[in-house]
Amino acid sequence: DVKVRLHVDDLIVVDGQTLRVRIRWAIVRMGSDTPAELYAM
């Protein structure tokens, strides 16, 4: 019913203190004419 496509721009430990997270993803609803819904973290 739904496909989730992802693009990881960053997911890495920085200086041993933090985990940097930059992820984009799109939700594609199958059988629907609506465009993909875009999100980011």
Full PDB file with SEQRES, HELIX, SHEET, SSBOND, CRYST1, ORIGX, SCALE, CONECT and MASTER records, all heavy atoms in Angstrom:
SEQRES   1 A   41  ASP VAL LYS VAL ARG LEU HIS VAL ASP ASP LEU ILE VAL          
SEQRES   2 A   41  VAL ASP GLY GLN THR LEU ARG VAL ARG ILE ARG TRP ALA          
SEQRES   3 A   41  ILE VAL ARG MET GLY SER ASP THR PRO ALA GLU LEU TYR          
SEQRES   4 A   41  ALA MET                                                      
SHEET    1 AA1 3 VAL A   2  VAL A  14  0                                        
SHEET    2 AA1 3 THR A  18  ARG A  29 -1                                        
SHEET    3 AA1 3 GLU A  37  ALA A  40 -1                                        
CRYST1    1.000    1.000    1.000  90.00  90.00  90.00 P 1           1          
ORIGX1      1.000000  0.000000  0.000000        0.00000                         
ORIGX2      0.000000  1.000000  0.000000        0.00000                         
ORIGX3      0.000000  0.000000  1.000000        0.00000                         
SCALE1      1.000000  0.000000  0.000000        0.00000                         
SCALE2      0.000000  1.000000  0.000000        0.00000                         
SCALE3      0.000000  0.000000  1.000000        0.00000                         
ATOM      1  N   ASP A   1       0.829  -1.205   0.000  1.00  0.00           N  
ATOM      2  CA  ASP A   1       0.000   0.000   0.000  1.00  0.00           C  
ATOM      3  C   ASP A   1       0.865   1.257   0.000  1.00  0.00           C  
ATOM      4  O   ASP A   1       0.489   2.276  -0.586  1.00  0.00           O  
ATOM      5  CB  ASP A   1      -0.902   0.022   1.248  1.00  0.00           C  
ATOM      6  CG  ASP A   1      -1.822  -1.185   1.308  1.00  0.00           C  
ATOM      7  OD1 ASP A   1      -2.405  -1.525   0.261  1.00  0.00           O  
ATOM      8  OD2 ASP A   1      -1.944  -1.788   2.395  1.00  0.00           O  
ATOM      9  N   VAL A   2       2.010   1.171   0.661  1.00  0.00           N  
ATOM     10  CA  VAL A   2       2.895   2.331   0.816  1.00  0.00           C  
ATOM     11  C   VAL A   2       4.339   1.893   0.616  1.00  0.00           C  
ATOM     12  O   VAL A   2       4.746   0.822   1.078  1.00  0.00           O  
ATOM     13  CB  VAL A   2       2.739   2.963   2.223  1.00  0.00           C  
ATOM     14  CG1 VAL A   2       3.699   4.132   2.393  1.00  0.00           C  
ATOM     15  CG2 VAL A   2       1.310   3.401   2.465  1.00  0.00           C  
ATOM     16  N   LYS A   3       5.094   2.742  -0.082  1.00  0.00           N  
ATOM     17  CA  LYS A   3       6.537   2.532  -0.218  1.00  0.00           C  
ATOM     18  C   LYS A   3       7.268   3.733   0.397  1.00  0.00           C  
ATOM     19  O   LYS A   3       6.872   4.876   0.172  1.00  0.00           O  
ATOM     20  CB  LYS A   3       6.943   2.356  -1.681  1.00  0.00           C  
ATOM     21  CG  LYS A   3       6.394   1.080  -2.309  1.00  0.00           C  
ATOM     22  CD  LYS A   3       6.885   0.908  -3.748  1.00  0.00           C  
ATOM     23  CE  LYS A   3       6.360  -0.387  -4.349  1.00  0.00           C  
ATOM     24  NZ  LYS A   3       6.838  -0.601  -5.744  1.00  0.00           N  
ATOM     25  N   VAL A   4       8.307   3.438   1.164  1.00  0.00           N  
ATOM     26  CA  VAL A   4       9.082   4.491   1.824  1.00  0.00           C  
ATOM     27  C   VAL A   4      10.498   4.465   1.249  1.00  0.00           C  
ATOM     28  O   VAL A   4      11.242   3.494   1.456  1.00  0.00           O  
ATOM     29  CB  VAL A   4       9.137   4.289   3.351  1.00  0.00           C  
ATOM     30  CG1 VAL A   4       9.907   5.433   4.009  1.00  0.00           C  
ATOM     31  CG2 VAL A   4       7.727   4.185   3.921  1.00  0.00           C  
ATOM     32  N   ARG A   5      10.847   5.514   0.522  1.00  0.00           N  
ATOM     33  CA  ARG A   5      12.182   5.619  -0.069  1.00  0.00           C  
ATOM     34  C   ARG A   5      13.007   6.599   0.762  1.00  0.00           C  
ATOM     35  O   ARG A   5      12.511   7.665   1.129  1.00  0.00           O  
ATOM     36  CB  ARG A   5      12.082   6.073  -1.520  1.00  0.00           C  
ATOM     37  CG  ARG A   5      11.302   5.089  -2.391  1.00  0.00           C  
ATOM     38  CD  ARG A   5      11.045   5.631  -3.783  1.00  0.00           C  
ATOM     39  NE  ARG A   5      10.296   4.681  -4.593  1.00  0.00           N  
ATOM     40  CZ  ARG A   5       9.789   4.962  -5.786  1.00  0.00           C  
ATOM     41  NH1 ARG A   5       9.953   6.175  -6.315  1.00  0.00           N  
ATOM     42  NH2 ARG A   5       9.120   4.039  -6.456  1.00  0.00           N  
ATOM     43  N   LEU A   6      14.258   6.233   0.998  1.00  0.00           N  
ATOM     44  CA  LEU A   6      15.071   7.027   1.926  1.00  0.00           C  
ATOM     45  C   LEU A   6      16.395   7.449   1.308  1.00  0.00           C  
ATOM     46  O   LEU A   6      16.951   6.773   0.443  1.00  0.00           O  
ATOM     47  CB  LEU A   6      15.343   6.232   3.205  1.00  0.00           C  
ATOM     48  CG  LEU A   6      14.123   5.723   3.961  1.00  0.00           C  
ATOM     49  CD1 LEU A   6      14.006   4.212   3.817  1.00  0.00           C  
ATOM     50  CD2 LEU A   6      14.166   6.115   5.419  1.00  0.00           C  
ATOM     51  N   HIS A   7      16.883   8.584   1.803  1.00  0.00           N  
ATOM     52  CA  HIS A   7      18.197   9.098   1.400  1.00  0.00           C  
ATOM     53  C   HIS A   7      18.901   9.590   2.659  1.00  0.00           C  
ATOM     54  O   HIS A   7      18.483  10.581   3.265  1.00  0.00           O  
ATOM     55  CB  HIS A   7      18.046  10.247   0.397  1.00  0.00           C  
ATOM     56  CG  HIS A   7      19.340  10.657  -0.241  1.00  0.00           C  
ATOM     57  ND1 HIS A   7      19.522  10.713  -1.596  1.00  0.00           N  
ATOM     58  CD2 HIS A   7      20.526  11.037   0.304  1.00  0.00           C  
ATOM     59  CE1 HIS A   7      20.754  11.098  -1.864  1.00  0.00           C  
ATOM     60  NE2 HIS A   7      21.379  11.304  -0.716  1.00  0.00           N  
ATOM     61  N   VAL A   8      19.971   8.904   3.042  1.00  0.00           N  
ATOM     62  CA  VAL A   8      20.743   9.298   4.227  1.00  0.00           C  
ATOM     63  C   VAL A   8      21.853  10.236   3.784  1.00  0.00           C  
ATOM     64  O   VAL A   8      22.769   9.836   3.058  1.00  0.00           O  
ATOM     65  CB  VAL A   8      21.336   8.071   4.945  1.00  0.00           C  
ATOM     66  CG1 VAL A   8      22.190   8.505   6.128  1.00  0.00           C  
ATOM     67  CG2 VAL A   8      20.221   7.139   5.404  1.00  0.00           C  
ATOM     68  N   ASP A   9      21.777  11.495   4.213  1.00  0.00           N  
ATOM     69  CA  ASP A   9      22.835  12.456   3.906  1.00  0.00           C  
ATOM     70  C   ASP A   9      23.961  12.373   4.933  1.00  0.00           C  
ATOM     71  O   ASP A   9      25.134  12.522   4.596  1.00  0.00           O  
ATOM     72  CB  ASP A   9      22.264  13.881   3.884  1.00  0.00           C  
ATOM     73  CG  ASP A   9      21.272  14.071   2.755  1.00  0.00           C  
ATOM     74  OD1 ASP A   9      21.632  13.787   1.597  1.00  0.00           O  
ATOM     75  OD2 ASP A   9      20.135  14.489   3.023  1.00  0.00           O  
ATOM     76  N   ASP A  10      23.601  12.149   6.183  1.00  0.00           N  
ATOM     77  CA  ASP A  10      24.588  12.049   7.262  1.00  0.00           C  
ATOM     78  C   ASP A  10      24.054  11.154   8.366  1.00  0.00           C  
ATOM     79  O   ASP A  10      22.893  11.269   8.766  1.00  0.00           O  
ATOM     80  CB  ASP A  10      24.899  13.422   7.862  1.00  0.00           C  
ATOM     81  CG  ASP A  10      26.242  13.969   7.400  1.00  0.00           C  
ATOM     82  OD1 ASP A  10      27.112  13.156   7.024  1.00  0.00           O  
ATOM     83  OD2 ASP A  10      26.422  15.199   7.416  1.00  0.00           O  
ATOM     84  N   LEU A  11      24.895  10.273   8.847  1.00  0.00           N  
ATOM     85  CA  LEU A  11      24.590   9.468  10.029  1.00  0.00           C  
ATOM     86  C   LEU A  11      25.946   9.005  10.559  1.00  0.00           C  
ATOM     87  O   LEU A  11      26.424   7.920  10.261  1.00  0.00           O  
ATOM     88  CB  LEU A  11      23.693   8.275   9.672  1.00  0.00           C  
ATOM     89  CG  LEU A  11      23.110   7.478  10.847  1.00  0.00           C  
ATOM     90  CD1 LEU A  11      22.355   8.373  11.820  1.00  0.00           C  
ATOM     91  CD2 LEU A  11      22.209   6.367  10.353  1.00  0.00           C  
ATOM     92  N   ILE A  12      26.578   9.882  11.347  1.00  0.00           N  
ATOM     93  CA  ILE A  12      27.966   9.647  11.709  1.00  0.00           C  
ATOM     94  C   ILE A  12      28.275  10.213  13.088  1.00  0.00           C  
ATOM     95  O   ILE A  12      27.687  11.234  13.501  1.00  0.00           O  
ATOM     96  CB  ILE A  12      28.914  10.275  10.654  1.00  0.00           C  
ATOM     97  CG1 ILE A  12      30.361   9.821  10.861  1.00  0.00           C  
ATOM     98  CG2 ILE A  12      28.805  11.791  10.651  1.00  0.00           C  
ATOM     99  CD1 ILE A  12      31.283  10.173   9.709  1.00  0.00           C  
ATOM    100  N   VAL A  13      29.167   9.553  13.795  1.00  0.00           N  
ATOM    101  CA  VAL A  13      29.608  10.014  15.115  1.00  0.00           C  
ATOM    102  C   VAL A  13      30.605  11.159  14.925  1.00  0.00           C  
ATOM    103  O   VAL A  13      31.565  11.040  14.160  1.00  0.00           O  
ATOM    104  CB  VAL A  13      30.269   8.865  15.894  1.00  0.00           C  
ATOM    105  CG1 VAL A  13      30.864   9.376  17.203  1.00  0.00           C  
ATOM    106  CG2 VAL A  13      29.263   7.760  16.158  1.00  0.00           C  
ATOM    107  N   VAL A  14      30.357  12.267  15.624  1.00  0.00           N  
ATOM    108  CA  VAL A  14      31.206  13.455  15.501  1.00  0.00           C  
ATOM    109  C   VAL A  14      32.000  13.639  16.792  1.00  0.00           C  
ATOM    110  O   VAL A  14      31.412  13.844  17.865  1.00  0.00           O  
ATOM    111  CB  VAL A  14      30.365  14.717  15.211  1.00  0.00           C  
ATOM    112  CG1 VAL A  14      31.274  15.945  15.080  1.00  0.00           C  
ATOM    113  CG2 VAL A  14      29.541  14.518  13.948  1.00  0.00           C  
ATOM    114  N   ASP A  15      33.331  13.543  16.673  1.00  0.00           N  
ATOM    115  CA  ASP A  15      34.248  13.771  17.796  1.00  0.00           C  
ATOM    116  C   ASP A  15      33.933  12.907  19.021  1.00  0.00           C  
ATOM    117  O   ASP A  15      34.210  13.297  20.158  1.00  0.00           O  
ATOM    118  CB  ASP A  15      34.247  15.255  18.203  1.00  0.00           C  
ATOM    119  CG  ASP A  15      34.823  16.143  17.106  1.00  0.00           C  
ATOM    120  OD1 ASP A  15      35.715  15.662  16.383  1.00  0.00           O  
ATOM    121  OD2 ASP A  15      34.390  17.302  16.983  1.00  0.00           O  
ATOM    122  N   GLY A  16      33.290  11.758  18.793  1.00  0.00           N  
ATOM    123  CA  GLY A  16      33.005  10.849  19.894  1.00  0.00           C  
ATOM    124  C   GLY A  16      31.978  11.370  20.882  1.00  0.00           C  
ATOM    125  O   GLY A  16      31.847  10.814  21.982  1.00  0.00           O  
ATOM    126  N   GLN A  17      31.209  12.418  20.509  1.00  0.00           N  
ATOM    127  CA  GLN A  17      30.272  13.035  21.445  1.00  0.00           C  
ATOM    128  C   GLN A  17      28.824  12.985  20.989  1.00  0.00           C  
ATOM    129  O   GLN A  17      27.917  12.798  21.802  1.00  0.00           O  
ATOM    130  CB  GLN A  17      30.675  14.499  21.686  1.00  0.00           C  
ATOM    131  CG  GLN A  17      32.054  14.647  22.313  1.00  0.00           C  
ATOM    132  CD  GLN A  17      32.434  16.101  22.518  1.00  0.00           C  
ATOM    133  OE1 GLN A  17      31.720  17.008  22.090  1.00  0.00           O  
ATOM    134  NE2 GLN A  17      33.557  16.327  23.169  1.00  0.00           N  
ATOM    135  N   THR A  18      28.588  13.151  19.698  1.00  0.00           N  
ATOM    136  CA  THR A  18      27.213  13.181  19.187  1.00  0.00           C  
ATOM    137  C   THR A  18      27.098  12.345  17.909  1.00  0.00           C  
ATOM    138  O   THR A  18      28.100  12.078  17.232  1.00  0.00           O  
ATOM    139  CB  THR A  18      26.771  14.622  18.859  1.00  0.00           C  
ATOM    140  OG1 THR A  18      27.661  15.186  17.870  1.00  0.00           O  
ATOM    141  CG2 THR A  18      26.765  15.492  20.104  1.00  0.00           C  
ATOM    142  N   LEU A  19      25.874  11.956  17.607  1.00  0.00           N  
ATOM    143  CA  LEU A  19      25.561  11.278  16.360  1.00  0.00           C  
ATOM    144  C   LEU A  19      24.790  12.261  15.492  1.00  0.00           C  
ATOM    145  O   LEU A  19      23.673  12.644  15.818  1.00  0.00           O  
ATOM    146  CB  LEU A  19      24.721  10.024  16.615  1.00  0.00           C  
ATOM    147  CG  LEU A  19      24.315   9.218  15.376  1.00  0.00           C  
ATOM    148  CD1 LEU A  19      25.549   8.660  14.666  1.00  0.00           C  
ATOM    149  CD2 LEU A  19      23.369   8.084  15.758  1.00  0.00           C  
ATOM    150  N   ARG A  20      25.412  12.688  14.405  1.00  0.00           N  
ATOM    151  CA  ARG A  20      24.777  13.642  13.492  1.00  0.00           C  
ATOM    152  C   ARG A  20      23.829  12.890  12.562  1.00  0.00           C  
ATOM    153  O   ARG A  20      24.204  11.904  11.933  1.00  0.00           O  
ATOM    154  CB  ARG A  20      25.826  14.389  12.674  1.00  0.00           C  
ATOM    155  CG  ARG A  20      25.224  15.408  11.688  1.00  0.00           C  
ATOM    156  CD  ARG A  20      26.279  15.923  10.747  1.00  0.00           C  
ATOM    157  NE  ARG A  20      27.276  16.715  11.456  1.00  0.00           N  
ATOM    158  CZ  ARG A  20      28.407  17.144  10.882  1.00  0.00           C  
ATOM    159  NH1 ARG A  20      28.673  16.816   9.621  1.00  0.00           N  
ATOM    160  NH2 ARG A  20      29.265  17.866  11.573  1.00  0.00           N  
ATOM    161  N   VAL A  21      22.588  13.395  12.462  1.00  0.00           N  
ATOM    162  CA  VAL A  21      21.548  12.705  11.693  1.00  0.00           C  
ATOM    163  C   VAL A  21      20.935  13.660  10.667  1.00  0.00           C  
ATOM    164  O   VAL A  21      20.394  14.707  11.031  1.00  0.00           O  
ATOM    165  CB  VAL A  21      20.423  12.173  12.613  1.00  0.00           C  
ATOM    166  CG1 VAL A  21      19.415  11.375  11.802  1.00  0.00           C  
ATOM    167  CG2 VAL A  21      21.003  11.345  13.751  1.00  0.00           C  
ATOM    168  N   ARG A  22      21.026  13.292   9.411  1.00  0.00           N  
ATOM    169  CA  ARG A  22      20.361  14.032   8.329  1.00  0.00           C  
ATOM    170  C   ARG A  22      19.804  13.004   7.348  1.00  0.00           C  
ATOM    171  O   ARG A  22      20.541  12.419   6.554  1.00  0.00           O  
ATOM    172  CB  ARG A  22      21.344  14.974   7.625  1.00  0.00           C  
ATOM    173  CG  ARG A  22      21.824  16.138   8.485  1.00  0.00           C  
ATOM    174  CD  ARG A  22      22.920  16.924   7.815  1.00  0.00           C  
ATOM    175  NE  ARG A  22      23.400  18.010   8.645  1.00  0.00           N  
ATOM    176  CZ  ARG A  22      24.550  18.665   8.439  1.00  0.00           C  
ATOM    177  NH1 ARG A  22      25.316  18.332   7.400  1.00  0.00           N  
ATOM    178  NH2 ARG A  22      24.930  19.638   9.245  1.00  0.00           N  
ATOM    179  N   ILE A  23      18.504  12.788   7.431  1.00  0.00           N  
ATOM    180  CA  ILE A  23      17.847  11.768   6.609  1.00  0.00           C  
ATOM    181  C   ILE A  23      16.628  12.373   5.933  1.00  0.00           C  
ATOM    182  O   ILE A  23      15.809  13.030   6.578  1.00  0.00           O  
ATOM    183  CB  ILE A  23      17.416  10.559   7.459  1.00  0.00           C  
ATOM    184  CG1 ILE A  23      18.626   9.951   8.180  1.00  0.00           C  
ATOM    185  CG2 ILE A  23      16.743   9.500   6.584  1.00  0.00           C  
ATOM    186  CD1 ILE A  23      18.263   8.841   9.147  1.00  0.00           C  
ATOM    187  N   ARG A  24      16.507  12.153   4.646  1.00  0.00           N  
ATOM    188  CA  ARG A  24      15.311  12.560   3.898  1.00  0.00           C  
ATOM    189  C   ARG A  24      14.576  11.294   3.454  1.00  0.00           C  
ATOM    190  O   ARG A  24      15.207  10.276   3.181  1.00  0.00           O  
ATOM    191  CB  ARG A  24      15.702  13.382   2.668  1.00  0.00           C  
ATOM    192  CG  ARG A  24      16.302  14.753   2.987  1.00  0.00           C  
ATOM    193  CD  ARG A  24      16.786  15.435   1.729  1.00  0.00           C  
ATOM    194  NE  ARG A  24      18.027  14.842   1.230  1.00  0.00           N  
ATOM    195  CZ  ARG A  24      18.382  14.841  -0.055  1.00  0.00           C  
ATOM    196  NH1 ARG A  24      17.560  15.319  -0.989  1.00  0.00           N  
ATOM    197  NH2 ARG A  24      19.533  14.308  -0.415  1.00  0.00           N  
ATOM    198  N   TRP A  25      13.266  11.393   3.411  1.00  0.00           N  
ATOM    199  CA  TRP A  25      12.500  10.238   2.924  1.00  0.00           C  
ATOM    200  C   TRP A  25      11.227  10.689   2.233  1.00  0.00           C  
ATOM    201  O   TRP A  25      10.741  11.814   2.443  1.00  0.00           O  
ATOM    202  CB  TRP A  25      12.196   9.258   4.053  1.00  0.00           C  
ATOM    203  CG  TRP A  25      11.122   9.638   5.014  1.00  0.00           C  
ATOM    204  CD1 TRP A  25       9.790   9.344   4.941  1.00  0.00           C  
ATOM    205  CD2 TRP A  25      11.272  10.420   6.211  1.00  0.00           C  
ATOM    206  NE1 TRP A  25       9.117   9.862   6.004  1.00  0.00           N  
ATOM    207  CE2 TRP A  25      10.000  10.517   6.812  1.00  0.00           C  
ATOM    208  CE3 TRP A  25      12.365  11.020   6.837  1.00  0.00           C  
ATOM    209  CZ2 TRP A  25       9.783  11.217   7.988  1.00  0.00           C  
ATOM    210  CZ3 TRP A  25      12.161  11.715   8.012  1.00  0.00           C  
ATOM    211  CH2 TRP A  25      10.884  11.798   8.577  1.00  0.00           C  
ATOM    212  N   ALA A  26      10.706   9.796   1.397  1.00  0.00           N  
ATOM    213  CA  ALA A  26       9.476  10.068   0.645  1.00  0.00           C  
ATOM    214  C   ALA A  26       8.505   8.921   0.850  1.00  0.00           C  
ATOM    215  O   ALA A  26       8.891   7.751   0.840  1.00  0.00           O  
ATOM    216  CB  ALA A  26       9.780  10.238  -0.840  1.00  0.00           C  
ATOM    217  N   ILE A  27       7.259   9.261   1.039  1.00  0.00           N  
ATOM    218  CA  ILE A  27       6.192   8.268   1.157  1.00  0.00           C  
ATOM    219  C   ILE A  27       5.404   8.250  -0.144  1.00  0.00           C  
ATOM    220  O   ILE A  27       4.866   9.275  -0.571  1.00  0.00           O  
ATOM    221  CB  ILE A  27       5.262   8.590   2.346  1.00  0.00           C  
ATOM    222  CG1 ILE A  27       6.027   8.372   3.652  1.00  0.00           C  
ATOM    223  CG2 ILE A  27       4.011   7.720   2.304  1.00  0.00           C  
ATOM    224  CD1 ILE A  27       5.213   8.653   4.881  1.00  0.00           C  
ATOM    225  N   VAL A  28       5.370   7.098  -0.763  1.00  0.00           N  
ATOM    226  CA  VAL A  28       4.651   6.930  -2.028  1.00  0.00           C  
ATOM    227  C   VAL A  28       3.466   6.007  -1.770  1.00  0.00           C  
ATOM    228  O   VAL A  28       3.645   4.839  -1.386  1.00  0.00           O  
ATOM    229  CB  VAL A  28       5.571   6.324  -3.113  1.00  0.00           C  
ATOM    230  CG1 VAL A  28       4.801   6.165  -4.422  1.00  0.00           C  
ATOM    231  CG2 VAL A  28       6.812   7.173  -3.301  1.00  0.00           C  
ATOM    232  N   ARG A  29       2.259   6.526  -1.954  1.00  0.00           N  
ATOM    233  CA  ARG A  29       1.039   5.736  -1.738  1.00  0.00           C  
ATOM    234  C   ARG A  29       0.645   5.086  -3.056  1.00  0.00           C  
ATOM    235  O   ARG A  29       0.332   5.765  -4.036  1.00  0.00           O  
ATOM    236  CB  ARG A  29      -0.083   6.624  -1.195  1.00  0.00           C  
ATOM    237  CG  ARG A  29       0.296   7.284   0.134  1.00  0.00           C  
ATOM    238  CD  ARG A  29      -0.824   8.118   0.705  1.00  0.00           C  
ATOM    239  NE  ARG A  29      -0.378   8.880   1.871  1.00  0.00           N  
ATOM    240  CZ  ARG A  29      -0.350   8.432   3.124  1.00  0.00           C  
ATOM    241  NH1 ARG A  29      -0.764   7.200   3.367  1.00  0.00           N  
ATOM    242  NH2 ARG A  29       0.075   9.196   4.108  1.00  0.00           N  
ATOM    243  N   MET A  30       0.680   3.773  -3.085  1.00  0.00           N  
ATOM    244  CA  MET A  30       0.420   3.037  -4.315  1.00  0.00           C  
ATOM    245  C   MET A  30      -1.059   3.127  -4.694  1.00  0.00           C  
ATOM    246  O   MET A  30      -1.935   3.133  -3.831  1.00  0.00           O  
ATOM    247  CB  MET A  30       0.830   1.573  -4.140  1.00  0.00           C  
ATOM    248  CG  MET A  30       2.256   1.403  -3.620  1.00  0.00           C  
ATOM    249  SD  MET A  30       3.497   2.321  -4.571  1.00  0.00           S  
ATOM    250  CE  MET A  30       3.362   1.484  -6.145  1.00  0.00           C  
ATOM    251  N   GLY A  31      -1.324   3.218  -5.983  1.00  0.00           N  
ATOM    252  CA  GLY A  31      -2.686   3.314  -6.475  1.00  0.00           C  
ATOM    253  C   GLY A  31      -3.302   4.677  -6.276  1.00  0.00           C  
ATOM    254  O   GLY A  31      -4.526   4.827  -6.371  1.00  0.00           O  
ATOM    255  N   SER A  32      -2.477   5.671  -5.979  1.00  0.00           N  
ATOM    256  CA  SER A  32      -2.974   7.027  -5.765  1.00  0.00           C  
ATOM    257  C   SER A  32      -2.295   7.979  -6.742  1.00  0.00           C  
ATOM    258  O   SER A  32      -1.134   7.788  -7.115  1.00  0.00           O  
ATOM    259  CB  SER A  32      -2.701   7.476  -4.327  1.00  0.00           C  
ATOM    260  OG  SER A  32      -3.006   8.847  -4.169  1.00  0.00           O  
ATOM    261  N   ASP A  33      -3.031   9.006  -7.137  1.00  0.00           N  
ATOM    262  CA  ASP A  33      -2.470   9.996  -8.054  1.00  0.00           C  
ATOM    263  C   ASP A  33      -1.744  11.120  -7.316  1.00  0.00           C  
ATOM    264  O   ASP A  33      -1.168  12.004  -7.948  1.00  0.00           O  
ATOM    265  CB  ASP A  33      -3.588  10.615  -8.917  1.00  0.00           C  
ATOM    266  CG  ASP A  33      -4.214   9.574  -9.846  1.00  0.00           C  
ATOM    267  OD1 ASP A  33      -3.494   8.624 -10.218  1.00  0.00           O  
ATOM    268  OD2 ASP A  33      -5.401   9.717 -10.190  1.00  0.00           O  
ATOM    269  N   THR A  34      -1.772  11.096  -6.003  1.00  0.00           N  
ATOM    270  CA  THR A  34      -1.114  12.157  -5.237  1.00  0.00           C  
ATOM    271  C   THR A  34       0.405  12.015  -5.354  1.00  0.00           C  
ATOM    272  O   THR A  34       0.941  10.900  -5.385  1.00  0.00           O  
ATOM    273  CB  THR A  34      -1.519  12.090  -3.755  1.00  0.00           C  
ATOM    274  OG1 THR A  34      -1.150  10.800  -3.227  1.00  0.00           O  
ATOM    275  CG2 THR A  34      -3.009  12.287  -3.607  1.00  0.00           C  
ATOM    276  N   PRO A  35       1.134  13.140  -5.404  1.00  0.00           N  
ATOM    277  CA  PRO A  35       2.602  13.074  -5.500  1.00  0.00           C  
ATOM    278  C   PRO A  35       3.213  12.520  -4.218  1.00  0.00           C  
ATOM    279  O   PRO A  35       2.560  12.457  -3.165  1.00  0.00           O  
ATOM    280  CB  PRO A  35       3.005  14.535  -5.732  1.00  0.00           C  
ATOM    281  CG  PRO A  35       1.874  15.349  -5.166  1.00  0.00           C  
ATOM    282  CD  PRO A  35       0.641  14.534  -5.392  1.00  0.00           C  
ATOM    283  N   ALA A  36       4.452  12.139  -4.309  1.00  0.00           N  
ATOM    284  CA  ALA A  36       5.170  11.619  -3.143  1.00  0.00           C  
ATOM    285  C   ALA A  36       5.238  12.682  -2.051  1.00  0.00           C  
ATOM    286  O   ALA A  36       5.421  13.868  -2.325  1.00  0.00           O  
ATOM    287  CB  ALA A  36       6.572  11.187  -3.553  1.00  0.00           C  
ATOM    288  N   GLU A  37       5.077  12.254  -0.816  1.00  0.00           N  
ATOM    289  CA  GLU A  37       5.151  13.163   0.326  1.00  0.00           C  
ATOM    290  C   GLU A  37       6.586  13.166   0.853  1.00  0.00           C  
ATOM    291  O   GLU A  37       7.147  12.116   1.169  1.00  0.00           O  
ATOM    292  CB  GLU A  37       4.186  12.694   1.418  1.00  0.00           C  
ATOM    293  CG  GLU A  37       2.747  12.561   0.923  1.00  0.00           C  
ATOM    294  CD  GLU A  37       1.893  11.714   1.848  1.00  0.00           C  
ATOM    295  OE1 GLU A  37       2.214  11.636   3.060  1.00  0.00           O  
ATOM    296  OE2 GLU A  37       0.915  11.109   1.363  1.00  0.00           O  
ATOM    297  N   LEU A  38       7.182  14.361   0.942  1.00  0.00           N  
ATOM    298  CA  LEU A  38       8.588  14.489   1.294  1.00  0.00           C  
ATOM    299  C   LEU A  38       8.754  14.939   2.741  1.00  0.00           C  
ATOM    300  O   LEU A  38       8.061  15.844   3.212  1.00  0.00           O  
ATOM    301  CB  LEU A  38       9.278  15.484   0.355  1.00  0.00           C  
ATOM    302  CG  LEU A  38       9.127  15.192  -1.155  1.00  0.00           C  
ATOM    303  CD1 LEU A  38       9.838  16.255  -1.965  1.00  0.00           C  
ATOM    304  CD2 LEU A  38       9.656  13.800  -1.487  1.00  0.00           C  
ATOM    305  N   TYR A  39       9.718  14.321   3.433  1.00  0.00           N  
ATOM    306  CA  TYR A  39       9.982  14.630   4.840  1.00  0.00           C  
ATOM    307  C   TYR A  39      11.491  14.638   5.080  1.00  0.00           C  
ATOM    308  O   TYR A  39      12.264  14.136   4.254  1.00  0.00           O  
ATOM    309  CB  TYR A  39       9.311  13.608   5.757  1.00  0.00           C  
ATOM    310  CG  TYR A  39       7.814  13.519   5.596  1.00  0.00           C  
ATOM    311  CD1 TYR A  39       7.245  12.659   4.643  1.00  0.00           C  
ATOM    312  CD2 TYR A  39       6.970  14.294   6.381  1.00  0.00           C  
ATOM    313  CE1 TYR A  39       5.870  12.576   4.487  1.00  0.00           C  
ATOM    314  CE2 TYR A  39       5.590  14.214   6.227  1.00  0.00           C  
ATOM    315  CZ  TYR A  39       5.049  13.357   5.277  1.00  0.00           C  
ATOM    316  OH  TYR A  39       3.689  13.278   5.129  1.00  0.00           O  
ATOM    317  N   ALA A  40      11.879  15.192   6.215  1.00  0.00           N  
ATOM    318  CA  ALA A  40      13.303  15.230   6.552  1.00  0.00           C  
ATOM    319  C   ALA A  40      13.486  15.149   8.063  1.00  0.00           C  
ATOM    320  O   ALA A  40      12.632  15.573   8.845  1.00  0.00           O  
ATOM    321  CB  ALA A  40      13.947  16.498   6.019  1.00  0.00           C  
ATOM    322  N   MET A  41      14.605  14.581   8.463  1.00  0.00           N  
ATOM    323  CA  MET A  41      14.986  14.458   9.869  1.00  0.00           C  
ATOM    324  C   MET A  41      16.399  15.038   9.993  1.00  0.00           C  
ATOM    325  O   MET A  41      17.332  14.570   9.330  1.00  0.00           O  
ATOM    326  CB  MET A  41      14.960  12.990  10.293  1.00  0.00           C  
ATOM    327  CG  MET A  41      15.331  12.724  11.727  1.00  0.00           C  
ATOM    328  SD  MET A  41      15.235  10.920  12.060  1.00  0.00           S  
ATOM    329  CE  MET A  41      15.612  10.877  13.806  1.00  0.00           C  
TER     330      MET A  41                                                      
MASTER        0    0    0    0    3    0    0    6  329    1    0    4          
END                                                                             
